[in-house]
Amino acid sequence: MTESLDAARPEVAEEEAEFRSVDAQIAMTLDAAVRPQPVRVAISEAQGLLCAEEVVAEHALPGFDQAAIDGYAVRSVDVRTAGQEPVQLPVVGEIAAGSRQPRRLQPGQAVRVDTGAPLPTLADAVVPLAYTDGHQAKVTVHRSVPSAGYVRRAGEDVQIGDVAVRRGDTIGSAQVGLLAAVGRAKVLVYPRPRVSIVSVGDELVDIDRTPSVGQVYDVNSYALAAAARDAGAEVSRVGIVPSEPKRLREIVEGRLLMSEIVVVAGGAGGATGDEVHAALSDLGRIDMTRVAMHPGSVQGFGRLGPDSVPTFLIPGNPMSALVVFEVLVRPLIRAARGTRNPHRRIVGARLLSPITSTEGRRGFLRGQLLRDEANGEYLVQPLGQSGAHLLASLAEANCLINVPEEMTDVPAGEQVQVTFLAQRA
């Protein structure tokens, strides 16, 4: 089950022109974002998910006054002159971390304590071992400490009633640790949106087979599944599906029942695209359009099945498929996760080599983003040519160069906008 996102978005009117703008297509797809219903999971399984509740601390952190360092628990007034001349105090006991035996400190005494040990009654400071001679029966203190020195007070980190983790926060290692520290074994989270990846094409074979003449490996189901995982989805790689209408419709219909997003690669453009569109039309309206972008202008989008699941029909060319995924599908996945800003970071950079782009379409060209160490300026080196088939250059890219629709030739030295892609380790 899913819940529709309530975020208000501008109405998207279909353009009269032959091409629909990229921004209009993005807005239309984001308007279809759905978020899975929250589920309660063990905190060990919550990492990377968005918190779906305000986690209010029912216990203080720390829960008691404790030593912040190995040393001696004392009354600070008893060692106030230690900076002028050494002060000797009898050591009347030792408290280890985890001790549950209450102790009371008398004036003029010291108790040896480990880091994390509860302080004895009346002690208000800890003298670090480095400030003493370390003796066990009678300790000599060489430096004074102030009241509360080297002590972690009860509730200093989190008090009862404080919000430990907020709704909408991404749960990372620190949040998992904080949840454990306030005694939460489980937390309500938004699960990862489920994304199904389907490849269509009679020319496709899986990578465990040897292609015959006219056949190619199925790249899309693997590449797009990886891209969806990178975006934060729970991915089901369906793999190659026959273009035979009845079988294709049955498989996609089944995926609609267990997905928040379905992506059909090879479902846009050419005769196969027409067949896919016809086969899936019984499941809901699919808007086939030409988007003013390059590569990947021909694509389809609809909300199919009883739950109106957002479904993309994208080109079969792997390079085009990955760019369309980056521009349109990834933001939808991020929005479905509840990410406040579903888009990647965009920065300005100076172009190191000239580029050309298709007139009337926004270009998304592969590039390598660099940083000028002298002045901190971003530089970008275009990779490969403008051909949509050059997948190898995308593997080397760490950004996409965004070329406005009205520009066809951009000389070296010009400032351009670039979109960060995931950085390689």
Protein backbone atom coordinates (compact mmCIF):
# COMPACT_ATOMS: atom_id res chain seq x y z
CA MET A 1 0.00 0.00 0.00
CA THR A 2 1.17 3.52 -0.66
CA GLU A 3 0.17 7.04 0.23
CA SER A 4 0.19 9.91 -2.25
CA LEU A 5 2.69 12.66 -1.52
CA ASP A 6 0.97 15.87 -0.53
CA ALA A 7 3.64 18.27 -1.80
CA ALA A 8 2.02 20.89 -4.00
CA ARG A 9 3.41 21.13 -7.52
CA PRO A 10 2.53 23.44 -10.39
CA GLU A 11 0.04 22.22 -12.95
CA VAL A 12 1.70 20.84 -16.06
CA ALA A 13 0.01 21.76 -19.30
CA GLU A 14 0.94 19.73 -22.36
CA GLU A 15 2.77 21.96 -24.78
CA GLU A 16 1.45 22.68 -28.21
CA ALA A 17 4.94 22.33 -29.65
CA GLU A 18 6.25 19.06 -31.05
CA PHE A 19 8.49 18.58 -28.00
CA ARG A 20 7.55 18.81 -24.35
CA SER A 21 10.05 20.66 -22.18
CA VAL A 22 12.28 18.73 -19.80
CA ASP A 23 11.00 20.73 -16.84
CA ALA A 24 7.38 19.95 -17.74
CA GLN A 25 8.14 16.23 -18.02
CA ILE A 26 9.97 16.22 -14.67
CA ALA A 27 7.07 18.03 -12.98
CA MET A 28 4.56 15.57 -14.42
CA THR A 29 6.49 12.55 -13.19
CA LEU A 30 7.17 14.01 -9.74
CA ASP A 31 3.45 14.67 -9.38
CA ALA A 32 2.97 10.90 -9.47
CA ALA A 33 5.37 10.18 -6.59
CA VAL A 34 4.05 7.83 -3.95
CA ARG A 35 5.64 6.95 -0.64
CA PRO A 36 5.40 3.47 0.87
CA GLN A 37 3.49 3.27 4.14
CA PRO A 38 5.78 3.44 7.21
CA VAL A 39 6.90 0.21 8.83
CA ARG A 40 8.51 -0.47 12.19
CA VAL A 41 11.90 -2.15 11.96
CA ALA A 42 14.77 -3.05 14.26
CA ILE A 43 17.27 -0.19 14.48
CA SER A 44 19.92 -2.51 12.99
CA GLU A 45 17.82 -2.58 9.80
CA ALA A 46 17.02 1.15 9.69
CA GLN A 47 20.30 2.49 8.33
CA GLY A 48 19.85 4.58 5.19
CA LEU A 49 16.08 4.90 5.62
CA LEU A 50 14.07 8.00 6.50
CA CYS A 51 12.62 8.22 9.98
CA ALA A 52 8.80 8.34 9.96
CA GLU A 53 8.28 9.47 13.56
CA GLU A 54 9.52 11.90 16.17
CA VAL A 55 11.60 9.75 18.50
CA VAL A 56 11.20 11.27 21.97
CA ALA A 57 13.73 10.21 24.60
CA GLU A 58 12.19 8.37 27.54
CA HIS A 59 15.56 8.14 29.28
CA ALA A 60 18.22 10.77 29.92
CA LEU A 61 21.60 10.41 28.26
CA PRO A 62 23.75 9.88 30.24
CA GLY A 63 21.40 8.43 32.78
CA PHE A 64 23.63 9.36 35.74
CA ASP A 65 26.66 11.54 36.56
CA GLN A 66 29.70 9.65 35.32
CA ALA A 67 33.44 9.97 34.95
CA ALA A 68 34.54 11.27 31.56
CA ILE A 69 38.11 10.00 32.06
CA ASP A 70 40.10 7.53 34.17
CA GLY A 71 41.13 9.22 37.40
CA TYR A 72 39.95 10.05 40.90
CA ALA A 73 36.51 11.29 41.92
CA VAL A 74 36.88 14.17 44.37
CA ARG A 75 35.23 17.25 45.74
CA SER A 76 36.69 20.08 43.65
CA VAL A 77 37.03 22.22 46.79
CA ASP A 78 39.45 19.65 48.25
CA VAL A 79 41.94 20.08 45.38
CA ARG A 80 41.52 23.80 44.69
CA THR A 81 45.10 24.57 45.89
CA ALA A 82 46.74 21.68 44.00
CA GLY A 83 48.05 24.05 41.35
CA GLN A 84 50.11 25.87 44.01
CA GLU A 85 51.32 22.87 46.03
CA PRO A 86 50.53 19.13 45.82
CA VAL A 87 47.48 17.88 47.70
CA GLN A 88 47.34 14.36 49.17
CA LEU A 89 44.04 12.52 49.58
CA PRO A 90 43.35 9.02 50.92
CA VAL A 91 41.88 6.68 48.28
CA VAL A 92 38.93 4.95 49.91
CA GLY A 93 37.79 2.69 47.11
CA GLU A 94 37.46 2.07 43.38
CA ILE A 95 34.44 2.23 41.05
CA ALA A 96 34.54 0.41 37.73
CA ALA A 97 32.39 1.22 34.71
CA GLY A 98 29.09 -0.60 35.10
CA SER A 99 29.24 -0.70 38.90
CA ARG A 100 25.84 -0.64 40.59
CA GLN A 101 27.20 -0.40 44.14
CA PRO A 102 26.42 3.07 45.58
CA ARG A 103 29.26 4.90 47.27
CA ARG A 104 29.48 8.06 49.31
CA LEU A 105 32.52 10.30 49.31
CA GLN A 106 33.48 12.06 52.53
CA PRO A 107 35.24 15.46 52.55
CA GLY A 108 38.99 15.14 52.01
CA GLN A 109 38.75 11.74 50.28
CA ALA A 110 39.16 10.37 46.73
CA VAL A 111 37.76 7.34 44.93
CA ARG A 112 39.51 5.77 41.94
CA VAL A 113 37.11 5.71 38.93
CA ASP A 114 37.18 4.31 35.41
CA THR A 115 35.81 6.17 32.38
CA GLY A 116 32.03 5.81 32.43
CA ALA A 117 31.86 4.89 36.11
CA PRO A 118 29.09 6.48 38.22
CA LEU A 119 30.35 9.19 40.55
CA PRO A 120 30.04 8.65 44.30
CA THR A 121 27.73 10.94 46.23
CA LEU A 122 29.24 14.38 47.02
CA ALA A 123 31.91 14.06 44.27
CA ASP A 124 31.60 16.87 41.72
CA ALA A 125 34.79 16.45 39.68
CA VAL A 126 37.29 13.90 38.41
CA VAL A 127 41.05 14.44 38.59
CA PRO A 128 42.66 12.78 35.53
CA LEU A 129 45.37 10.21 36.22
CA ALA A 130 47.84 12.47 34.39
CA TYR A 131 47.35 15.10 37.13
CA THR A 132 48.37 12.66 39.90
CA ASP A 133 51.05 10.18 40.94
CA GLY A 134 48.56 7.33 40.39
CA HIS A 135 48.94 5.75 43.83
CA GLN A 136 46.19 3.47 45.08
CA ALA A 137 46.24 4.10 48.85
CA LYS A 138 47.04 7.81 49.00
CA VAL A 139 47.06 9.89 45.82
CA THR A 140 49.03 13.08 45.30
CA VAL A 141 47.22 15.62 43.12
CA HIS A 142 49.39 18.14 41.23
CA ARG A 143 46.70 20.18 39.44
CA SER A 144 43.32 21.49 40.48
CA VAL A 145 40.08 20.80 38.59
CA PRO A 146 36.90 22.91 38.56
CA SER A 147 33.49 21.74 39.68
CA ALA A 148 32.07 19.42 36.96
CA GLY A 149 35.54 19.00 35.50
CA TYR A 150 35.87 15.73 33.55
CA VAL A 151 32.31 14.76 34.50
CA ARG A 152 29.45 13.90 32.16
CA ARG A 153 26.33 15.14 33.89
CA ALA A 154 23.04 13.22 33.73
CA GLY A 155 21.01 14.48 30.77
CA GLU A 156 23.93 16.48 29.39
CA ASP A 157 23.53 14.87 25.95
CA VAL A 158 19.78 14.16 25.83
CA GLN A 159 17.14 14.93 28.44
CA ILE A 160 13.86 13.13 28.96
CA GLY A 161 11.35 14.57 26.47
CA ASP A 162 13.97 15.71 23.97
CA VAL A 163 13.50 14.69 20.32
CA ALA A 164 16.40 12.33 19.64
CA VAL A 165 15.66 11.68 15.94
CA ARG A 166 13.25 13.79 13.91
CA ARG A 167 10.76 12.66 11.31
CA GLY A 168 12.33 12.99 7.88
CA ASP A 169 15.90 12.54 9.14
CA THR A 170 18.00 9.98 7.28
CA ILE A 171 19.06 7.31 9.76
CA GLY A 172 22.83 6.96 9.59
CA SER A 173 25.30 5.36 11.98
CA ALA A 174 25.06 8.27 14.45
CA GLN A 175 21.25 8.07 14.52
CA VAL A 176 21.38 4.30 15.03
CA GLY A 177 23.76 4.87 17.94
CA LEU A 178 21.52 7.56 19.43
CA LEU A 179 18.45 5.33 19.14
CA ALA A 180 20.31 2.59 20.97
CA ALA A 181 21.53 5.08 23.60
CA VAL A 182 17.97 6.17 24.45
CA GLY A 183 16.78 2.58 24.61
CA ARG A 184 14.88 2.27 21.32
CA ALA A 185 15.01 -1.23 19.84
CA LYS A 186 12.72 -0.40 16.89
CA VAL A 187 11.86 2.72 14.91
CA LEU A 188 9.17 3.69 12.40
CA VAL A 189 10.69 4.30 8.96
CA TYR A 190 9.67 4.84 5.36
CA PRO A 191 10.83 1.72 3.49
CA ARG A 192 12.73 2.02 0.25
CA PRO A 193 10.39 2.36 -2.74
CA ARG A 194 10.23 -0.89 -4.71
CA VAL A 195 11.36 -0.51 -8.31
CA SER A 196 10.99 -3.19 -11.00
CA ILE A 197 13.29 -3.07 -14.03
CA VAL A 198 12.13 -4.79 -17.23
CA SER A 199 14.08 -5.11 -20.50
CA VAL A 200 12.22 -5.64 -23.78
CA GLY A 201 13.84 -6.51 -27.09
CA ASP A 202 13.95 -9.59 -29.29
CA GLU A 203 17.63 -8.92 -29.94
CA LEU A 204 18.59 -9.24 -26.25
CA VAL A 205 20.34 -12.16 -24.58
CA ASP A 206 21.43 -12.44 -20.96
CA ILE A 207 25.08 -12.17 -20.07
CA ASP A 208 25.43 -15.90 -19.37
CA ARG A 209 24.81 -16.67 -23.07
CA THR A 210 26.85 -15.98 -26.20
CA PRO A 211 25.08 -13.58 -28.59
CA SER A 212 24.39 -14.82 -32.11
CA VAL A 213 24.56 -12.57 -35.16
CA GLY A 214 22.19 -9.65 -34.60
CA GLN A 215 21.94 -10.19 -30.85
CA VAL A 216 23.35 -8.06 -28.03
CA TYR A 217 23.72 -8.45 -24.30
CA ASP A 218 20.99 -7.11 -22.03
CA VAL A 219 22.75 -4.10 -20.57
CA ASN A 220 19.75 -2.13 -19.40
CA SER A 221 18.32 -4.38 -16.73
CA TYR A 222 21.70 -4.53 -14.98
CA ALA A 223 22.67 -0.87 -15.42
CA LEU A 224 19.26 0.52 -14.49
CA ALA A 225 18.95 -1.80 -11.49
CA ALA A 226 22.29 -0.48 -10.24
CA ALA A 227 21.16 3.11 -10.83
CA ALA A 228 17.94 2.47 -8.91
CA ARG A 229 19.84 1.01 -5.95
CA ASP A 230 22.13 4.04 -5.99
CA ALA A 231 19.02 6.24 -5.79
CA GLY A 232 17.89 4.36 -2.67
CA ALA A 233 15.35 1.90 -4.07
CA GLU A 234 14.67 -1.74 -3.31
CA VAL A 235 15.19 -3.20 -6.77
CA SER A 236 13.75 -6.19 -8.58
CA ARG A 237 15.60 -6.86 -11.83
CA VAL A 238 13.04 -8.74 -13.88
CA GLY A 239 15.44 -9.04 -16.80
CA ILE A 240 14.49 -9.79 -20.40
CA VAL A 241 10.77 -10.02 -21.13
CA PRO A 242 9.43 -11.14 -24.53
CA SER A 243 7.68 -8.49 -26.60
CA GLU A 244 4.76 -10.87 -27.23
CA PRO A 245 1.85 -8.68 -26.04
CA LYS A 246 -0.01 -11.09 -23.77
CA ARG A 247 3.12 -12.30 -21.95
CA LEU A 248 4.52 -8.77 -21.61
CA ARG A 249 1.25 -7.47 -20.20
CA GLU A 250 1.02 -10.36 -17.70
CA ILE A 251 4.55 -9.76 -16.40
CA VAL A 252 4.18 -5.99 -16.08
CA GLU A 253 0.76 -6.38 -14.48
CA GLY A 254 2.30 -8.65 -11.87
CA ARG A 255 5.08 -6.15 -11.17
CA LEU A 256 2.53 -3.36 -10.67
CA LEU A 257 1.17 -5.24 -7.66
CA MET A 258 4.54 -5.26 -5.90
CA SER A 259 6.21 -2.02 -7.00
CA GLU A 260 6.03 1.71 -6.41
CA ILE A 261 7.77 2.35 -9.76
CA VAL A 262 8.13 0.23 -12.92
CA VAL A 263 10.70 0.94 -15.64
CA VAL A 264 10.44 -0.75 -19.06
CA ALA A 265 13.63 -0.31 -21.07
CA GLY A 266 13.14 -0.74 -24.80
CA GLY A 267 9.55 0.39 -24.44
CA ALA A 268 9.93 3.67 -26.34
CA GLY A 269 10.83 4.28 -29.95
CA GLY A 270 10.60 2.12 -33.06
CA ALA A 271 8.35 -0.82 -33.75
CA THR A 272 9.09 -2.46 -30.40
CA GLY A 273 8.06 0.70 -28.59
CA ASP A 274 4.75 0.74 -30.44
CA GLU A 275 4.15 -2.91 -29.52
CA VAL A 276 4.96 -2.28 -25.85
CA HIS A 277 2.67 0.75 -25.75
CA ALA A 278 -0.19 -1.20 -27.29
CA ALA A 279 0.33 -4.19 -24.97
CA LEU A 280 0.28 -2.06 -21.80
CA SER A 281 -2.50 0.35 -22.75
CA ASP A 282 -5.12 -1.93 -21.20
CA LEU A 283 -3.45 -1.31 -17.80
CA GLY A 284 -3.91 2.48 -17.92
CA ARG A 285 -3.18 5.58 -19.97
CA ILE A 286 0.39 5.91 -21.18
CA ASP A 287 1.50 9.33 -22.39
CA MET A 288 3.96 8.76 -25.25
CA THR A 289 5.78 11.96 -26.05
CA ARG A 290 8.95 13.53 -27.35
CA VAL A 291 10.81 15.42 -24.65
CA ALA A 292 13.13 18.26 -25.64
CA MET A 293 16.26 16.49 -24.41
CA HIS A 294 19.19 14.67 -25.93
CA PRO A 295 19.78 11.77 -25.66
CA GLY A 296 16.51 9.97 -24.93
CA SER A 297 13.85 12.27 -26.31
CA VAL A 298 11.28 9.57 -27.15
CA GLN A 299 9.73 8.18 -23.97
CA GLY A 300 6.48 7.26 -22.31
CA PHE A 301 5.01 7.67 -18.85
CA GLY A 302 1.80 6.49 -17.27
CA ARG A 303 0.17 5.49 -14.01
CA LEU A 304 -0.86 1.88 -14.49
CA GLY A 305 -2.81 -0.73 -12.59
CA PRO A 306 -5.32 -0.38 -9.74
CA ASP A 307 -2.80 1.51 -7.60
CA SER A 308 -1.80 3.94 -10.40
CA VAL A 309 1.84 2.89 -10.25
CA PRO A 310 4.20 5.32 -12.06
CA THR A 311 5.52 3.44 -15.10
CA PHE A 312 8.26 4.61 -17.47
CA LEU A 313 8.78 3.45 -21.04
CA ILE A 314 12.30 4.49 -21.97
CA PRO A 315 14.62 3.91 -24.93
CA GLY A 316 16.45 0.63 -25.39
CA ASN A 317 19.79 2.29 -26.13
CA PRO A 318 21.73 1.87 -22.86
CA MET A 319 23.26 5.33 -22.94
CA SER A 320 19.91 7.00 -23.59
CA ALA A 321 18.22 4.79 -21.00
CA LEU A 322 20.70 5.80 -18.29
CA VAL A 323 20.37 9.50 -19.07
CA VAL A 324 16.56 9.34 -19.03
CA PHE A 325 16.77 7.44 -15.76
CA GLU A 326 19.08 10.07 -14.29
CA VAL A 327 16.94 13.01 -15.37
CA LEU A 328 13.45 11.61 -14.69
CA VAL A 329 13.37 8.31 -12.80
CA ARG A 330 15.98 9.03 -10.14
CA PRO A 331 14.20 12.20 -8.89
CA LEU A 332 10.96 10.22 -8.61
CA ILE A 333 12.67 7.54 -6.52
CA ARG A 334 14.18 10.19 -4.27
CA ALA A 335 10.81 11.93 -3.90
CA ALA A 336 9.15 8.61 -3.08
CA ARG A 337 11.73 8.10 -0.33
CA GLY A 338 10.71 11.44 1.13
CA THR A 339 13.96 13.24 0.28
CA ARG A 340 13.43 16.97 0.70
CA ASN A 341 15.29 17.84 -2.51
CA PRO A 342 15.12 14.92 -4.97
CA HIS A 343 17.56 16.48 -7.45
CA ARG A 344 21.31 16.18 -7.57
CA ARG A 345 23.59 19.12 -6.91
CA ILE A 346 24.26 21.44 -9.85
CA VAL A 347 27.34 23.70 -10.02
CA GLY A 348 28.85 26.07 -12.55
CA ALA A 349 32.08 25.04 -14.26
CA ARG A 350 34.36 26.39 -16.97
CA LEU A 351 34.40 24.29 -20.14
CA LEU A 352 37.85 22.97 -21.12
CA SER A 353 36.92 21.87 -24.67
CA PRO A 354 34.19 23.02 -27.08
CA ILE A 355 30.97 21.03 -27.31
CA THR A 356 28.02 20.82 -29.67
CA SER A 357 24.43 19.97 -28.84
CA THR A 358 21.21 19.29 -30.75
CA GLU A 359 19.20 22.40 -31.55
CA GLY A 360 15.94 22.74 -29.66
CA ARG A 361 16.79 20.09 -27.07
CA ARG A 362 18.48 20.29 -23.70
CA GLY A 363 21.71 18.37 -23.96
CA PHE A 364 22.99 16.07 -21.22
CA LEU A 365 26.60 15.45 -22.21
CA ARG A 366 29.13 13.35 -20.38
CA GLY A 367 31.94 15.12 -18.57
CA GLN A 368 34.72 14.88 -16.00
CA LEU A 369 34.44 17.56 -13.32
CA LEU A 370 37.74 18.85 -11.97
CA ARG A 371 38.81 21.46 -9.40
CA ASP A 372 41.49 24.10 -10.02
CA GLU A 373 43.65 23.85 -6.90
CA ALA A 374 44.95 27.38 -7.40
CA ASN A 375 41.63 29.20 -7.17
CA GLY A 376 39.05 26.52 -6.35
CA GLU A 377 37.24 27.02 -9.69
CA TYR A 378 35.32 24.07 -11.14
CA LEU A 379 36.47 22.90 -14.56
CA VAL A 380 34.75 20.35 -16.79
CA GLN A 381 36.24 18.24 -19.56
CA PRO A 382 33.73 16.78 -22.06
CA LEU A 383 34.11 13.04 -22.64
CA GLY A 384 33.54 11.30 -25.98
CA GLN A 385 31.37 12.69 -28.72
CA SER A 386 27.69 13.60 -28.61
CA GLY A 387 26.59 10.16 -29.87
CA ALA A 388 23.99 8.49 -27.70
CA HIS A 389 25.62 5.08 -28.08
CA LEU A 390 28.91 5.83 -26.30
CA LEU A 391 28.34 3.98 -23.03
CA ALA A 392 32.06 3.68 -22.19
CA SER A 393 32.44 7.44 -21.79
CA LEU A 394 29.54 7.53 -19.32
CA ALA A 395 31.44 5.06 -17.14
CA GLU A 396 34.29 7.60 -16.99
CA ALA A 397 32.00 10.56 -16.32
CA ASN A 398 31.35 12.07 -12.91
CA CYS A 399 28.93 14.70 -14.19
CA LEU A 400 26.50 15.59 -16.94
CA ILE A 401 27.00 18.89 -18.75
CA ASN A 402 23.63 20.64 -19.13
CA VAL A 403 23.37 22.52 -22.43
CA PRO A 404 20.30 24.80 -22.79
CA GLU A 405 17.87 24.15 -25.64
CA GLU A 406 18.81 27.38 -27.45
CA MET A 407 22.56 26.58 -27.58
CA THR A 408 24.16 24.36 -30.20
CA ASP A 409 27.84 25.33 -30.04
CA VAL A 410 29.57 26.14 -26.76
CA PRO A 411 33.21 27.25 -27.00
CA ALA A 412 35.95 26.34 -24.56
CA GLY A 413 36.17 28.75 -21.65
CA GLU A 414 32.40 29.24 -21.33
CA GLN A 415 30.63 28.71 -18.02
CA VAL A 416 28.21 25.77 -18.10
CA GLN A 417 25.95 24.07 -15.57
CA VAL A 418 26.90 20.52 -14.61
CA THR A 419 25.08 17.91 -12.56
CA PHE A 420 27.16 15.87 -10.11
CA LEU A 421 26.89 12.11 -10.54
CA ALA A 422 27.90 9.62 -7.87
CA GLN A 423 31.60 9.86 -7.12
CA ARG A 424 33.75 6.80 -7.63
CA ALA A 425 35.59 5.45 -4.60
